[in-house]
Amino acid sequence: MTTSIPDSRFAEFDGYINEIAHRFKLRHVDFSDLPRDFHDTAFANSDHLIDSESSAVWPLAARACFD
């Protein structure tokens, strides 16, 4: 959906974050790259996962960030 928002700056922000991560040799993890399908039912609202989904996603994020 982020690409369909008029005047969206999501792509610009993603590029900026990738550049910062590369410059400082940091690992950048995009949630869309995690091995998980995010359905509408996973979200409490437009920004927050429901508790059970958050509990399932956190180990995936931790592995991607710290392993």
N, C-alpha and C. Protein backbone atom coordinates (compact mmCIF):
# COMPACT_ATOMS: atom_id res chain seq x y z
N MET A 1 0.82 -1.21 0.00
CA MET A 1 0.00 0.00 0.00
C MET A 1 0.85 1.26 0.00
N THR A 2 2.05 1.20 0.57
CA THR A 2 2.84 2.42 0.70
C THR A 2 3.16 3.05 -0.65
N THR A 3 3.25 2.24 -1.69
CA THR A 3 3.54 2.81 -3.01
C THR A 3 2.32 3.45 -3.64
N SER A 4 1.14 3.17 -3.12
CA SER A 4 -0.08 3.74 -3.71
C SER A 4 -0.50 5.05 -3.04
N ILE A 5 0.18 5.45 -2.00
CA ILE A 5 -0.17 6.69 -1.29
C ILE A 5 0.35 7.89 -2.09
N PRO A 6 -0.53 8.82 -2.46
CA PRO A 6 -0.07 10.00 -3.19
C PRO A 6 1.00 10.76 -2.40
N ASP A 7 2.02 11.19 -3.08
CA ASP A 7 3.13 11.96 -2.47
C ASP A 7 3.83 11.18 -1.36
N SER A 8 3.82 9.86 -1.46
CA SER A 8 4.47 9.02 -0.45
C SER A 8 5.99 9.21 -0.49
N ARG A 9 6.59 9.19 0.66
CA ARG A 9 8.05 9.30 0.76
C ARG A 9 8.66 8.02 1.32
N PHE A 10 7.89 6.94 1.34
CA PHE A 10 8.39 5.68 1.88
C PHE A 10 9.62 5.19 1.13
N ALA A 11 9.59 5.24 -0.20
CA ALA A 11 10.73 4.77 -0.99
C ALA A 11 11.96 5.63 -0.72
N GLU A 12 11.76 6.94 -0.62
CA GLU A 12 12.88 7.84 -0.30
C GLU A 12 13.48 7.50 1.06
N PHE A 13 12.61 7.28 2.04
CA PHE A 13 13.07 6.95 3.38
C PHE A 13 13.82 5.62 3.39
N ASP A 14 13.28 4.62 2.70
CA ASP A 14 13.96 3.32 2.62
C ASP A 14 15.35 3.46 2.00
N GLY A 15 15.46 4.25 0.95
CA GLY A 15 16.75 4.50 0.33
C GLY A 15 17.71 5.20 1.28
N TYR A 16 17.20 6.16 2.01
CA TYR A 16 18.01 6.90 2.99
C TYR A 16 18.52 5.96 4.08
N ILE A 17 17.65 5.12 4.61
CA ILE A 17 18.05 4.18 5.66
C ILE A 17 19.07 3.18 5.14
N ASN A 18 18.87 2.68 3.93
CA ASN A 18 19.85 1.77 3.33
C ASN A 18 21.21 2.44 3.20
N GLU A 19 21.21 3.70 2.80
CA GLU A 19 22.46 4.45 2.65
C GLU A 19 23.16 4.61 4.00
N ILE A 20 22.42 4.96 5.02
CA ILE A 20 22.99 5.11 6.37
C ILE A 20 23.57 3.78 6.84
N ALA A 21 22.81 2.70 6.68
CA ALA A 21 23.28 1.38 7.12
C ALA A 21 24.56 1.01 6.38
N HIS A 22 24.61 1.25 5.09
CA HIS A 22 25.80 0.93 4.31
C HIS A 22 26.99 1.78 4.75
N ARG A 23 26.76 3.07 4.95
CA ARG A 23 27.84 3.99 5.32
C ARG A 23 28.47 3.59 6.65
N PHE A 24 27.65 3.18 7.61
CA PHE A 24 28.16 2.84 8.93
C PHE A 24 28.34 1.33 9.14
N LYS A 25 28.22 0.58 8.03
CA LYS A 25 28.40 -0.87 8.06
C LYS A 25 27.48 -1.54 9.09
N LEU A 26 26.21 -1.12 9.05
CA LEU A 26 25.19 -1.68 9.93
C LEU A 26 24.31 -2.64 9.15
N ARG A 27 23.79 -3.62 9.84
CA ARG A 27 22.86 -4.55 9.21
C ARG A 27 21.49 -3.87 9.15
N HIS A 28 20.92 -3.86 7.96
CA HIS A 28 19.58 -3.29 7.78
C HIS A 28 18.62 -4.42 7.49
N VAL A 29 17.58 -4.52 8.30
CA VAL A 29 16.57 -5.56 8.12
C VAL A 29 15.24 -4.91 7.77
N ASP A 30 14.70 -5.29 6.63
CA ASP A 30 13.39 -4.81 6.21
C ASP A 30 12.38 -5.90 6.57
N PHE A 31 11.32 -5.53 7.25
CA PHE A 31 10.34 -6.52 7.67
C PHE A 31 9.73 -7.28 6.49
N SER A 32 9.71 -6.66 5.33
CA SER A 32 9.17 -7.37 4.16
C SER A 32 10.08 -8.50 3.72
N ASP A 33 11.31 -8.52 4.20
CA ASP A 33 12.25 -9.60 3.87
C ASP A 33 12.18 -10.76 4.85
N LEU A 34 11.44 -10.61 5.94
CA LEU A 34 11.33 -11.69 6.91
C LEU A 34 10.49 -12.83 6.33
N PRO A 35 10.77 -14.05 6.74
CA PRO A 35 10.00 -15.19 6.23
C PRO A 35 8.62 -15.28 6.89
N ARG A 36 7.80 -14.30 6.65
CA ARG A 36 6.48 -14.22 7.28
C ARG A 36 5.54 -13.47 6.35
N ASP A 37 4.34 -13.96 6.20
CA ASP A 37 3.31 -13.23 5.46
C ASP A 37 2.51 -12.40 6.45
N PHE A 38 2.41 -11.12 6.18
CA PHE A 38 1.66 -10.23 7.04
C PHE A 38 0.29 -9.98 6.43
N HIS A 39 -0.72 -10.56 7.03
CA HIS A 39 -2.10 -10.36 6.58
C HIS A 39 -2.74 -9.25 7.40
N ASP A 40 -3.81 -8.71 6.92
CA ASP A 40 -4.51 -7.62 7.63
C ASP A 40 -4.88 -8.02 9.05
N THR A 41 -5.19 -9.28 9.26
CA THR A 41 -5.60 -9.74 10.59
C THR A 41 -4.46 -9.72 11.59
N ALA A 42 -3.22 -9.52 11.12
CA ALA A 42 -2.07 -9.47 12.02
C ALA A 42 -1.94 -8.11 12.72
N PHE A 43 -2.70 -7.13 12.25
CA PHE A 43 -2.55 -5.77 12.75
C PHE A 43 -3.72 -5.29 13.59
N ALA A 44 -3.38 -4.61 14.68
CA ALA A 44 -4.39 -3.99 15.53
C ALA A 44 -4.88 -2.69 14.89
N ASN A 45 -3.98 -2.01 14.19
CA ASN A 45 -4.31 -0.79 13.46
C ASN A 45 -3.26 -0.64 12.36
N SER A 46 -3.17 0.49 11.74
CA SER A 46 -2.26 0.65 10.60
C SER A 46 -0.78 0.56 10.97
N ASP A 47 -0.45 0.67 12.23
CA ASP A 47 0.94 0.70 12.65
C ASP A 47 1.38 -0.42 13.58
N HIS A 48 0.45 -1.12 14.20
CA HIS A 48 0.82 -2.03 15.28
C HIS A 48 0.29 -3.45 15.06
N LEU A 49 1.19 -4.41 15.32
CA LEU A 49 0.80 -5.82 15.26
C LEU A 49 0.02 -6.19 16.51
N ILE A 50 -0.87 -7.18 16.38
CA ILE A 50 -1.53 -7.70 17.57
C ILE A 50 -0.50 -8.50 18.37
N ASP A 51 -0.76 -8.70 19.65
CA ASP A 51 0.21 -9.34 20.55
C ASP A 51 0.70 -10.69 20.04
N SER A 52 -0.21 -11.55 19.62
CA SER A 52 0.21 -12.89 19.19
C SER A 52 1.10 -12.82 17.95
N GLU A 53 0.82 -11.91 17.05
CA GLU A 53 1.65 -11.76 15.84
C GLU A 53 3.01 -11.17 16.20
N SER A 54 3.02 -10.21 17.09
CA SER A 54 4.27 -9.62 17.54
C SER A 54 5.17 -10.68 18.17
N SER A 55 4.57 -11.56 18.97
CA SER A 55 5.33 -12.63 19.61
C SER A 55 5.91 -13.60 18.57
N ALA A 56 5.22 -13.79 17.48
CA ALA A 56 5.70 -14.69 16.43
C ALA A 56 6.77 -14.02 15.56
N VAL A 57 6.66 -12.71 15.36
CA VAL A 57 7.58 -11.99 14.49
C VAL A 57 8.90 -11.67 15.19
N TRP A 58 8.86 -11.40 16.48
CA TRP A 58 10.07 -10.98 17.17
C TRP A 58 11.24 -11.95 17.01
N PRO A 59 11.06 -13.26 17.18
CA PRO A 59 12.21 -14.17 16.98
C PRO A 59 12.78 -14.08 15.56
N LEU A 60 11.94 -13.88 14.57
CA LEU A 60 12.41 -13.75 13.19
C LEU A 60 13.24 -12.47 13.04
N ALA A 61 12.75 -11.39 13.61
CA ALA A 61 13.47 -10.12 13.55
C ALA A 61 14.79 -10.20 14.31
N ALA A 62 14.76 -10.82 15.49
CA ALA A 62 15.98 -10.94 16.30
C ALA A 62 17.04 -11.75 15.55
N ARG A 63 16.63 -12.86 14.93
CA ARG A 63 17.57 -13.67 14.16
C ARG A 63 18.16 -12.87 13.01
N ALA A 64 17.30 -12.15 12.29
CA ALA A 64 17.75 -11.37 11.14
C ALA A 64 18.71 -10.24 11.56
N CYS A 65 18.48 -9.69 12.74
CA CYS A 65 19.30 -8.56 13.20
C CYS A 65 20.59 -8.99 13.89
N PHE A 66 20.54 -10.08 14.63
CA PHE A 66 21.65 -10.38 15.54
C PHE A 66 22.41 -11.66 15.25
N ASP A 67 21.95 -12.49 14.33
CA ASP A 67 22.69 -13.72 14.02
C ASP A 67 23.67 -13.48 12.90
